[in-house]
């Protein structure tokens, strides 16, 4: 094969690129077909959903508790003022 020097240096790079591309493609295919980590992903999503639901409930509970403690504080101040008179 009598190729100029510049063409000789390109051929191995092309082959290396093709090998790397094939390796990446085969890795991605194997990764997509693998189901071992699927349970972990499902449990992680479930945990994230429960965390978001808990945050939402606690936010609503905080508002309710603030109102309740405000009512109790007002009642105690009124009782204290009445008892001091």
C-alpha atoms as a PDB file:
ATOM      1  CA  UNK A   1       0.000   0.000   0.000  1.00  0.00           C
ATOM      2  CA  UNK A   2       1.633   3.208  -1.143  1.00  0.00           C
ATOM      3  CA  UNK A   3      -0.193   5.987   0.615  1.00  0.00           C
ATOM      4  CA  UNK A   4       1.256   9.401   1.390  1.00  0.00           C
ATOM      5  CA  UNK A   5       2.383   9.912   4.989  1.00  0.00           C
ATOM      6  CA  UNK A   6      -0.570  12.188   5.842  1.00  0.00           C
ATOM      7  CA  UNK A   7      -3.067   9.493   4.847  1.00  0.00           C
ATOM      8  CA  UNK A   8      -1.217   6.821   6.815  1.00  0.00           C
ATOM      9  CA  UNK A   9      -1.609   8.827  10.028  1.00  0.00           C
ATOM     10  CA  UNK A  10      -5.359   9.295   9.463  1.00  0.00           C
ATOM     11  CA  UNK A  11      -6.239   5.616   9.068  1.00  0.00           C
ATOM     12  CA  UNK A  12      -5.325   4.512  12.625  1.00  0.00           C
ATOM     13  CA  UNK A  13      -7.182   7.506  14.096  1.00  0.00           C
ATOM     14  CA  UNK A  14     -10.305   6.552  12.159  1.00  0.00           C
ATOM     15  CA  UNK A  15     -10.035   2.973  13.362  1.00  0.00           C
ATOM     16  CA  UNK A  16      -9.495   4.144  16.934  1.00  0.00           C
ATOM     17  CA  UNK A  17     -12.531   6.411  16.680  1.00  0.00           C
ATOM     18  CA  UNK A  18     -14.658   3.555  15.307  1.00  0.00           C
ATOM     19  CA  UNK A  19     -13.493   1.231  18.099  1.00  0.00           C
ATOM     20  CA  UNK A  20     -14.287   3.828  20.762  1.00  0.00           C
ATOM     21  CA  UNK A  21     -17.661   4.552  19.188  1.00  0.00           C
ATOM     22  CA  UNK A  22     -18.506   0.845  19.077  1.00  0.00           C
ATOM     23  CA  UNK A  23     -17.404   0.465  22.695  1.00  0.00           C
ATOM     24  CA  UNK A  24     -19.580   3.375  23.823  1.00  0.00           C
ATOM     25  CA  UNK A  25     -22.567   2.123  21.842  1.00  0.00           C
ATOM     26  CA  UNK A  26     -22.232  -1.398  23.238  1.00  0.00           C
ATOM     27  CA  UNK A  27     -21.896   0.016  26.771  1.00  0.00           C
ATOM     28  CA  UNK A  28     -25.048   2.124  26.336  1.00  0.00           C
ATOM     29  CA  UNK A  29     -26.960  -0.861  24.931  1.00  0.00           C
ATOM     30  CA  UNK A  30     -25.923  -3.032  27.875  1.00  0.00           C
ATOM     31  CA  UNK A  31     -26.761  -0.231  30.324  1.00  0.00           C
ATOM     32  CA  UNK A  32     -30.259   0.205  28.873  1.00  0.00           C
ATOM     33  CA  UNK A  33     -30.973  -3.537  28.948  1.00  0.00           C
ATOM     34  CA  UNK A  34     -29.678  -3.996  32.499  1.00  0.00           C
ATOM     35  CA  UNK A  35     -32.445  -4.078  35.106  1.00  0.00           C
ATOM     36  CA  UNK A  36     -30.388  -4.560  38.267  1.00  0.00           C
ATOM     37  CA  UNK A  37     -30.481  -0.888  39.279  1.00  0.00           C
ATOM     38  CA  UNK A  38     -34.118  -0.384  38.362  1.00  0.00           C
ATOM     39  CA  UNK A  39     -35.368  -1.116  41.883  1.00  0.00           C
ATOM     40  CA  UNK A  40     -33.002   1.457  43.339  1.00  0.00           C
ATOM     41  CA  UNK A  41     -34.333   4.105  40.961  1.00  0.00           C
ATOM     42  CA  UNK A  42     -37.946   3.247  41.803  1.00  0.00           C
ATOM     43  CA  UNK A  43     -37.299   3.403  45.554  1.00  0.00           C
ATOM     44  CA  UNK A  44     -35.432   6.689  45.142  1.00  0.00           C
ATOM     45  CA  UNK A  45     -38.367   8.202  43.257  1.00  0.00           C
ATOM     46  CA  UNK A  46     -40.779   6.929  45.908  1.00  0.00           C
ATOM     47  CA  UNK A  47     -38.630   8.425  48.667  1.00  0.00           C
ATOM     48  CA  UNK A  48     -38.457  11.769  46.838  1.00  0.00           C
ATOM     49  CA  UNK A  49     -42.251  11.798  46.430  1.00  0.00           C
ATOM     50  CA  UNK A  50     -42.753  11.039  50.133  1.00  0.00           C
ATOM     51  CA  UNK A  51     -40.310  13.795  51.083  1.00  0.00           C
ATOM     52  CA  UNK A  52     -42.183  16.326  48.929  1.00  0.00           C
ATOM     53  CA  UNK A  53     -45.532  15.239  50.367  1.00  0.00           C
ATOM     54  CA  UNK A  54     -44.169  15.545  53.906  1.00  0.00           C
ATOM     55  CA  UNK A  55     -42.844  19.031  53.212  1.00  0.00           C
ATOM     56  CA  UNK A  56     -46.235  20.048  51.849  1.00  0.00           C
ATOM     57  CA  UNK A  57     -48.059  18.677  54.886  1.00  0.00           C
ATOM     58  CA  UNK A  58     -45.657  20.287  57.341  1.00  0.00           C
ATOM     59  CA  UNK A  59     -46.007  23.630  55.599  1.00  0.00           C
ATOM     60  CA  UNK A  60     -49.785  23.471  56.020  1.00  0.00           C
ATOM     61  CA  UNK A  61     -49.425  22.246  59.608  1.00  0.00           C
ATOM     62  CA  UNK A  62     -47.100  25.148  60.405  1.00  0.00           C
ATOM     63  CA  UNK A  63     -49.753  27.644  59.312  1.00  0.00           C
ATOM     64  CA  UNK A  64     -52.407  25.898  61.391  1.00  0.00           C
ATOM     65  CA  UNK A  65     -50.157  25.665  64.445  1.00  0.00           C
ATOM     66  CA  UNK A  66     -49.225  29.346  64.214  1.00  0.00           C
ATOM     67  CA  UNK A  67     -52.925  30.238  64.232  1.00  0.00           C
ATOM     68  CA  UNK A  68     -53.595  27.892  67.154  1.00  0.00           C
ATOM     69  CA  UNK A  69     -50.711  29.244  69.253  1.00  0.00           C
ATOM     70  CA  UNK A  70     -51.793  32.804  68.450  1.00  0.00           C
ATOM     71  CA  UNK A  71     -55.289  32.025  69.749  1.00  0.00           C
ATOM     72  CA  UNK A  72     -53.893  30.391  72.895  1.00  0.00           C
ATOM     73  CA  UNK A  73     -51.544  33.344  73.540  1.00  0.00           C
ATOM     74  CA  UNK A  74     -54.398  35.826  73.142  1.00  0.00           C
ATOM     75  CA  UNK A  75     -56.594  33.819  75.507  1.00  0.00           C
ATOM     76  CA  UNK A  76     -53.832  33.600  78.114  1.00  0.00           C
ATOM     77  CA  UNK A  77     -53.122  37.345  77.892  1.00  0.00           C
ATOM     78  CA  UNK A  78     -56.821  38.085  78.280  1.00  0.00           C
ATOM     79  CA  UNK A  79     -57.064  35.748  81.281  1.00  0.00           C
ATOM     80  CA  UNK A  80     -53.956  37.287  82.822  1.00  0.00           C
ATOM     81  CA  UNK A  81     -55.293  40.813  82.363  1.00  0.00           C
ATOM     82  CA  UNK A  82     -58.657  39.834  83.820  1.00  0.00           C
ATOM     83  CA  UNK A  83     -57.072  38.078  86.800  1.00  0.00           C
ATOM     84  CA  UNK A  84     -54.781  41.042  87.517  1.00  0.00           C
ATOM     85  CA  UNK A  85     -57.699  43.502  87.621  1.00  0.00           C
END
